[in-house]
Amino acid sequence: MRIKTLSTLVMLAVFLTACAATPPKIAQEKTVTVSGQTLKFGGKYDVEKNQLELTVNGDPMMKGAFPPYTPTQNFKANYKELKIASSCYFGSVLGEQGGTFGIIAGAIQASKSSSGDKCELFVDGESVETLYF
């Protein structure tokens, strides 16, 4: 009887731990046509791992983590002879730091209206779309 109770408690703990994981922030996909090519941009931000991944037509093209206390990240990649770049600003990176720093960072960002999480996308040097997370 003890083994059954113990195994039930272990399974419950594993289930609750899995439920407690923070889901990634997913950007709404945006489609643009550049030089006769249709590009579908997407992305996700894993809050727990501090990992941002941007995709082009479903292919992961740009990936990286935000350095400590830095809400910006820039990527460059080539896709089918096109130069793809992004300029990302994630206000939540600073706001989620917690403590006094997080409170102050959140207040400063709110005063500048820059607390959102977004990536501006460029193709061959021209801004084509913005992803919001």
N, C-alpha and C. Protein backbone atom coordinates (compact mmCIF):
# COMPACT_ATOMS: atom_id res chain seq x y z
N MET A 1 0.82 -1.20 0.00
CA MET A 1 0.00 0.00 0.00
C MET A 1 0.86 1.26 0.00
N ARG A 2 1.97 1.24 0.75
CA ARG A 2 2.86 2.39 0.80
C ARG A 2 3.50 2.67 -0.56
N ILE A 3 3.86 1.65 -1.28
CA ILE A 3 4.49 1.82 -2.59
C ILE A 3 3.49 2.47 -3.54
N LYS A 4 2.25 2.05 -3.49
CA LYS A 4 1.22 2.62 -4.36
C LYS A 4 1.01 4.10 -4.02
N THR A 5 0.95 4.43 -2.73
CA THR A 5 0.77 5.81 -2.31
C THR A 5 1.97 6.65 -2.73
N LEU A 6 3.17 6.11 -2.53
CA LEU A 6 4.38 6.83 -2.89
C LEU A 6 4.45 7.07 -4.40
N SER A 7 4.13 6.06 -5.19
CA SER A 7 4.18 6.24 -6.65
C SER A 7 3.12 7.24 -7.11
N THR A 8 1.97 7.26 -6.46
CA THR A 8 0.93 8.23 -6.79
C THR A 8 1.41 9.64 -6.48
N LEU A 9 2.07 9.83 -5.34
CA LEU A 9 2.59 11.14 -4.98
C LEU A 9 3.68 11.60 -5.94
N VAL A 10 4.54 10.68 -6.37
CA VAL A 10 5.59 11.03 -7.32
C VAL A 10 4.98 11.45 -8.65
N MET A 11 3.99 10.71 -9.14
CA MET A 11 3.35 11.07 -10.41
C MET A 11 2.64 12.41 -10.29
N LEU A 12 2.01 12.68 -9.15
CA LEU A 12 1.34 13.96 -8.94
C LEU A 12 2.35 15.11 -8.94
N ALA A 13 3.48 14.89 -8.28
CA ALA A 13 4.52 15.94 -8.25
C ALA A 13 5.06 16.22 -9.65
N VAL A 14 5.29 15.18 -10.44
CA VAL A 14 5.78 15.36 -11.81
C VAL A 14 4.74 16.11 -12.63
N PHE A 15 3.49 15.77 -12.49
CA PHE A 15 2.41 16.43 -13.22
C PHE A 15 2.33 17.91 -12.85
N LEU A 16 2.39 18.21 -11.55
CA LEU A 16 2.30 19.60 -11.11
C LEU A 16 3.51 20.41 -11.56
N THR A 17 4.68 19.80 -11.58
CA THR A 17 5.87 20.48 -12.04
C THR A 17 5.75 20.83 -13.53
N ALA A 18 5.23 19.90 -14.31
CA ALA A 18 5.05 20.15 -15.75
C ALA A 18 4.03 21.25 -15.98
N CYS A 19 2.99 21.30 -15.16
CA CYS A 19 1.98 22.34 -15.30
C CYS A 19 2.50 23.71 -14.89
N ALA A 20 3.49 23.73 -14.03
CA ALA A 20 4.02 24.99 -13.52
C ALA A 20 4.96 25.67 -14.52
N ALA A 21 5.40 24.95 -15.54
CA ALA A 21 6.32 25.53 -16.51
C ALA A 21 5.63 26.68 -17.26
N THR A 22 6.36 27.76 -17.42
CA THR A 22 5.83 28.92 -18.13
C THR A 22 5.86 28.65 -19.63
N PRO A 23 4.73 28.75 -20.31
CA PRO A 23 4.74 28.52 -21.76
C PRO A 23 5.48 29.64 -22.48
N PRO A 24 6.06 29.34 -23.64
CA PRO A 24 6.76 30.40 -24.37
C PRO A 24 5.78 31.43 -24.92
N LYS A 25 6.28 32.65 -25.12
CA LYS A 25 5.49 33.70 -25.76
C LYS A 25 5.63 33.48 -27.27
N ILE A 26 4.49 33.39 -27.95
CA ILE A 26 4.49 33.13 -29.39
C ILE A 26 4.02 34.38 -30.12
N ALA A 27 4.77 34.78 -31.13
CA ALA A 27 4.38 35.93 -31.95
C ALA A 27 3.37 35.49 -33.00
N GLN A 28 2.44 36.37 -33.32
CA GLN A 28 1.52 36.10 -34.41
C GLN A 28 2.32 36.16 -35.70
N GLU A 29 2.18 35.14 -36.55
CA GLU A 29 2.94 35.11 -37.80
C GLU A 29 2.53 36.26 -38.71
N LYS A 30 3.51 36.78 -39.44
CA LYS A 30 3.28 37.87 -40.39
C LYS A 30 3.83 37.42 -41.74
N THR A 31 3.08 37.68 -42.80
CA THR A 31 3.49 37.29 -44.15
C THR A 31 3.72 38.53 -44.99
N VAL A 32 4.86 38.55 -45.68
CA VAL A 32 5.19 39.65 -46.58
C VAL A 32 5.72 39.05 -47.89
N THR A 33 5.63 39.83 -48.95
CA THR A 33 6.21 39.43 -50.24
C THR A 33 7.31 40.42 -50.59
N VAL A 34 8.51 39.88 -50.79
CA VAL A 34 9.68 40.69 -51.11
C VAL A 34 10.38 40.07 -52.31
N SER A 35 10.64 40.86 -53.32
CA SER A 35 11.34 40.40 -54.53
C SER A 35 10.69 39.14 -55.10
N GLY A 36 9.36 39.10 -55.08
CA GLY A 36 8.63 37.96 -55.63
C GLY A 36 8.61 36.73 -54.73
N GLN A 37 9.19 36.81 -53.55
CA GLN A 37 9.21 35.68 -52.61
C GLN A 37 8.27 35.96 -51.44
N THR A 38 7.47 34.99 -51.09
CA THR A 38 6.60 35.11 -49.93
C THR A 38 7.34 34.63 -48.70
N LEU A 39 7.41 35.48 -47.70
CA LEU A 39 8.11 35.16 -46.45
C LEU A 39 7.12 35.21 -45.29
N LYS A 40 7.06 34.13 -44.54
CA LYS A 40 6.20 34.09 -43.35
C LYS A 40 7.12 34.13 -42.13
N PHE A 41 7.05 35.24 -41.39
CA PHE A 41 7.89 35.42 -40.21
C PHE A 41 7.14 34.97 -38.96
N GLY A 42 7.84 34.34 -38.07
CA GLY A 42 7.27 33.92 -36.80
C GLY A 42 8.34 33.93 -35.73
N GLY A 43 7.94 33.64 -34.52
CA GLY A 43 8.92 33.59 -33.45
C GLY A 43 8.34 33.16 -32.13
N LYS A 44 9.24 32.79 -31.23
CA LYS A 44 8.83 32.45 -29.87
C LYS A 44 9.94 32.86 -28.91
N TYR A 45 9.51 33.19 -27.71
CA TYR A 45 10.44 33.58 -26.65
C TYR A 45 10.20 32.69 -25.45
N ASP A 46 11.17 31.87 -25.11
CA ASP A 46 11.10 31.00 -23.94
C ASP A 46 11.56 31.82 -22.74
N VAL A 47 10.59 32.18 -21.90
CA VAL A 47 10.86 33.06 -20.76
C VAL A 47 11.83 32.40 -19.78
N GLU A 48 11.62 31.13 -19.48
CA GLU A 48 12.46 30.45 -18.49
C GLU A 48 13.90 30.29 -18.96
N LYS A 49 14.09 30.05 -20.24
CA LYS A 49 15.44 29.87 -20.78
C LYS A 49 16.03 31.17 -21.31
N ASN A 50 15.21 32.24 -21.35
CA ASN A 50 15.65 33.53 -21.87
C ASN A 50 16.14 33.38 -23.31
N GLN A 51 15.43 32.56 -24.09
CA GLN A 51 15.85 32.22 -25.45
C GLN A 51 14.83 32.72 -26.47
N LEU A 52 15.28 33.51 -27.43
CA LEU A 52 14.44 34.04 -28.50
C LEU A 52 14.80 33.33 -29.79
N GLU A 53 13.76 32.90 -30.53
CA GLU A 53 13.97 32.25 -31.82
C GLU A 53 13.03 32.85 -32.84
N LEU A 54 13.59 33.30 -33.97
CA LEU A 54 12.79 33.85 -35.06
C LEU A 54 12.87 32.91 -36.24
N THR A 55 11.73 32.75 -36.93
CA THR A 55 11.67 31.82 -38.06
C THR A 55 11.27 32.54 -39.34
N VAL A 56 11.69 31.98 -40.46
CA VAL A 56 11.28 32.43 -41.78
C VAL A 56 10.73 31.19 -42.49
N ASN A 57 9.46 31.24 -42.88
CA ASN A 57 8.78 30.11 -43.51
C ASN A 57 8.95 28.82 -42.70
N GLY A 58 8.90 28.96 -41.38
CA GLY A 58 8.99 27.81 -40.48
C GLY A 58 10.39 27.36 -40.15
N ASP A 59 11.38 27.89 -40.84
CA ASP A 59 12.78 27.51 -40.58
C ASP A 59 13.38 28.42 -39.52
N PRO A 60 13.94 27.85 -38.44
CA PRO A 60 14.61 28.70 -37.44
C PRO A 60 15.84 29.35 -38.05
N MET A 61 15.82 30.67 -38.14
CA MET A 61 16.92 31.39 -38.80
C MET A 61 17.77 32.21 -37.84
N MET A 62 17.14 32.72 -36.78
CA MET A 62 17.86 33.60 -35.86
C MET A 62 17.51 33.17 -34.44
N LYS A 63 18.53 32.99 -33.61
CA LYS A 63 18.30 32.47 -32.27
C LYS A 63 19.35 33.01 -31.32
N GLY A 64 18.92 33.33 -30.10
CA GLY A 64 19.88 33.79 -29.12
C GLY A 64 19.21 34.17 -27.81
N ALA A 65 20.03 34.45 -26.81
CA ALA A 65 19.56 34.82 -25.48
C ALA A 65 19.88 36.29 -25.23
N PHE A 66 19.11 36.91 -24.37
CA PHE A 66 19.37 38.29 -23.99
C PHE A 66 20.46 38.32 -22.93
N PRO A 67 21.47 39.16 -23.10
CA PRO A 67 22.49 39.31 -22.06
C PRO A 67 21.84 39.88 -20.79
N PRO A 68 22.44 39.69 -19.64
CA PRO A 68 21.87 40.21 -18.40
C PRO A 68 21.59 41.71 -18.47
N TYR A 69 20.41 42.10 -18.02
CA TYR A 69 19.98 43.50 -17.93
C TYR A 69 19.98 44.21 -19.29
N THR A 70 19.84 43.46 -20.36
CA THR A 70 19.84 44.04 -21.70
C THR A 70 18.56 43.64 -22.43
N PRO A 71 17.68 44.59 -22.73
CA PRO A 71 16.41 44.25 -23.37
C PRO A 71 16.47 44.21 -24.90
N THR A 72 17.64 44.41 -25.50
CA THR A 72 17.74 44.44 -26.95
C THR A 72 18.54 43.25 -27.47
N GLN A 73 18.18 42.83 -28.67
CA GLN A 73 18.89 41.74 -29.34
C GLN A 73 18.75 41.97 -30.84
N ASN A 74 19.84 41.87 -31.58
CA ASN A 74 19.82 42.04 -33.02
C ASN A 74 20.36 40.78 -33.68
N PHE A 75 19.70 40.38 -34.76
CA PHE A 75 20.11 39.18 -35.48
C PHE A 75 20.28 39.50 -36.96
N LYS A 76 21.10 38.69 -37.63
CA LYS A 76 21.24 38.76 -39.09
C LYS A 76 21.32 37.34 -39.61
N ALA A 77 20.72 37.14 -40.80
CA ALA A 77 20.76 35.82 -41.44
C ALA A 77 20.54 35.99 -42.93
N ASN A 78 20.91 34.99 -43.69
CA ASN A 78 20.64 34.97 -45.12
C ASN A 78 19.59 33.89 -45.38
N TYR A 79 18.63 34.23 -46.23
CA TYR A 79 17.57 33.27 -46.58
C TYR A 79 17.28 33.41 -48.07
N LYS A 80 17.61 32.37 -48.83
CA LYS A 80 17.38 32.36 -50.28
C LYS A 80 17.84 33.66 -50.95
N GLU A 81 19.09 34.00 -50.74
CA GLU A 81 19.73 35.18 -51.32
C GLU A 81 19.17 36.51 -50.82
N LEU A 82 18.39 36.49 -49.75
CA LEU A 82 17.89 37.71 -49.13
C LEU A 82 18.62 37.90 -47.80
N LYS A 83 18.93 39.14 -47.48
CA LYS A 83 19.54 39.44 -46.19
C LYS A 83 18.42 39.80 -45.22
N ILE A 84 18.25 38.96 -44.20
CA ILE A 84 17.22 39.14 -43.19
C ILE A 84 17.89 39.65 -41.93
N ALA A 85 17.27 40.63 -41.28
CA ALA A 85 17.80 41.15 -40.02
C ALA A 85 16.62 41.46 -39.10
N SER A 86 16.91 41.52 -37.82
CA SER A 86 15.88 41.90 -36.85
C SER A 86 16.49 42.78 -35.77
N SER A 87 15.65 43.64 -35.26
CA SER A 87 16.02 44.50 -34.14
C SER A 87 14.93 44.29 -33.09
N CYS A 88 15.29 43.60 -32.02
CA CYS A 88 14.29 43.21 -31.02
C CYS A 88 14.45 44.02 -29.73
N TYR A 89 13.31 44.35 -29.14
CA TYR A 89 13.28 45.00 -27.84
C TYR A 89 12.27 44.27 -26.98
N PHE A 90 12.72 43.70 -25.86
CA PHE A 90 11.86 42.97 -24.95
C PHE A 90 11.89 43.64 -23.58
N GLY A 91 10.90 44.49 -23.34
CA GLY A 91 10.80 45.16 -22.06
C GLY A 91 10.63 44.19 -20.90
N SER A 92 10.03 43.03 -21.18
CA SER A 92 9.80 42.06 -20.11
C SER A 92 11.11 41.49 -19.56
N VAL A 93 12.18 41.53 -20.34
CA VAL A 93 13.48 41.03 -19.87
C VAL A 93 13.92 41.81 -18.63
N LEU A 94 13.72 43.13 -18.65
CA LEU A 94 14.09 43.94 -17.49
C LEU A 94 13.02 43.87 -16.40
N GLY A 95 11.76 43.92 -16.79
CA GLY A 95 10.67 43.92 -15.82
C GLY A 95 10.60 42.65 -15.00
N GLU A 96 11.06 41.52 -15.58
CA GLU A 96 10.99 40.24 -14.88
C GLU A 96 12.21 39.98 -14.01
N GLN A 97 13.11 40.94 -13.91
CA GLN A 97 14.30 40.76 -13.07
C GLN A 97 13.94 40.66 -11.60
N GLY A 98 12.81 41.24 -11.23
CA GLY A 98 12.38 41.17 -9.84
C GLY A 98 13.08 42.18 -8.97
N GLY A 99 12.59 42.29 -7.75
CA GLY A 99 13.20 43.18 -6.78
C GLY A 99 13.08 44.64 -7.17
N THR A 100 13.89 45.45 -6.54
CA THR A 100 13.89 46.89 -6.78
C THR A 100 14.25 47.21 -8.22
N PHE A 101 15.22 46.48 -8.78
CA PHE A 101 15.63 46.74 -10.16
C PHE A 101 14.45 46.55 -11.12
N GLY A 102 13.72 45.45 -10.96
CA GLY A 102 12.57 45.18 -11.83
C GLY A 102 11.50 46.24 -11.72
N ILE A 103 11.25 46.72 -10.52
CA ILE A 103 10.24 47.76 -10.31
C ILE A 103 10.67 49.06 -10.99
N ILE A 104 11.92 49.45 -10.78
CA ILE A 104 12.43 50.69 -11.38
C ILE A 104 12.45 50.57 -12.90
N ALA A 105 12.94 49.45 -13.42
CA ALA A 105 13.00 49.25 -14.88
C ALA A 105 11.60 49.30 -15.48
N GLY A 106 10.63 48.65 -14.82
CA GLY A 106 9.26 48.67 -15.30
C GLY A 106 8.68 50.07 -15.33
N ALA A 107 8.96 50.87 -14.31
CA ALA A 107 8.46 52.24 -14.25
C ALA A 107 9.08 53.11 -15.35
N ILE A 108 10.39 52.96 -15.56
CA ILE A 108 11.06 53.74 -16.61
C ILE A 108 10.51 53.37 -17.98
N GLN A 109 10.35 52.09 -18.23
CA GLN A 109 9.83 51.64 -19.53
C GLN A 109 8.41 52.12 -19.75
N ALA A 110 7.59 52.08 -18.71
CA ALA A 110 6.20 52.53 -18.83
C ALA A 110 6.16 54.02 -19.16
N SER A 111 7.06 54.79 -18.57
CA SER A 111 7.07 56.24 -18.84
C SER A 111 7.49 56.53 -20.28
N LYS A 112 8.26 55.62 -20.88
CA LYS A 112 8.71 55.80 -22.26
C LYS A 112 7.81 55.05 -23.25
N SER A 113 6.77 54.39 -22.76
CA SER A 113 5.90 53.56 -23.59
C SER A 113 6.70 52.52 -24.37
N SER A 114 7.68 51.92 -23.71
CA SER A 114 8.52 50.93 -24.39
C SER A 114 8.58 49.62 -23.60
N SER A 115 7.45 49.20 -23.05
CA SER A 115 7.48 48.01 -22.22
C SER A 115 7.10 46.75 -22.99
N GLY A 116 6.77 46.86 -24.27
CA GLY A 116 6.34 45.70 -25.05
C GLY A 116 7.50 44.82 -25.49
N ASP A 117 7.14 43.66 -26.01
CA ASP A 117 8.11 42.72 -26.55
C ASP A 117 7.88 42.64 -28.05
N LYS A 118 8.86 43.07 -28.83
CA LYS A 118 8.66 43.12 -30.28
C LYS A 118 9.98 42.99 -31.02
N CYS A 119 9.89 42.57 -32.28
CA CYS A 119 11.05 42.49 -33.17
C CYS A 119 10.68 43.13 -34.49
N GLU A 120 11.43 44.15 -34.88
CA GLU A 120 11.24 44.75 -36.18
C GLU A 120 12.08 43.95 -37.18
N LEU A 121 11.47 43.60 -38.31
CA LEU A 121 12.12 42.74 -39.30
C LEU A 121 12.51 43.53 -40.53
N PHE A 122 13.69 43.23 -41.05
CA PHE A 122 14.24 43.91 -42.21
C PHE A 122 14.62 42.88 -43.27
N VAL A 123 14.34 43.21 -44.53
CA VAL A 123 14.79 42.39 -45.65
C VAL A 123 15.57 43.30 -46.58
N ASP A 124 16.80 42.92 -46.84
CA ASP A 124 17.70 43.72 -47.67
C ASP A 124 17.76 45.18 -47.21
N GLY A 125 17.79 45.37 -45.89
CA GLY A 125 17.95 46.69 -45.30
C GLY A 125 16.69 47.51 -45.14
N GLU A 126 15.55 47.01 -45.62
CA GLU A 126 14.29 47.75 -45.52
C GLU A 126 13.36 47.10 -44.51
N SER A 127 12.75 47.94 -43.66
CA SER A 127 11.80 47.44 -42.67
C SER A 127 10.55 46.92 -43.40
N VAL A 128 10.16 45.66 -43.07
CA VAL A 128 9.01 45.06 -43.76
C VAL A 128 7.87 44.70 -42.83
N GLU A 129 8.15 44.46 -41.54
CA GLU A 129 7.10 44.02 -40.63
C GLU A 129 7.63 44.05 -39.20
N THR A 130 6.72 43.97 -38.23
CA THR A 130 7.08 43.88 -36.82
C THR A 130 6.32 42.72 -36.18
N LEU A 131 7.04 41.88 -35.46
CA LEU A 131 6.43 40.80 -34.70
C LEU A 131 6.22 41.26 -33.27
N TYR A 132 5.03 40.99 -32.72
CA TYR A 132 4.73 41.33 -31.33
C TYR A 132 4.53 40.03 -30.54
N PHE A 133 5.15 39.97 -29.38
CA PHE A 133 5.09 38.76 -28.55
C PHE A 133 4.19 38.98 -27.35
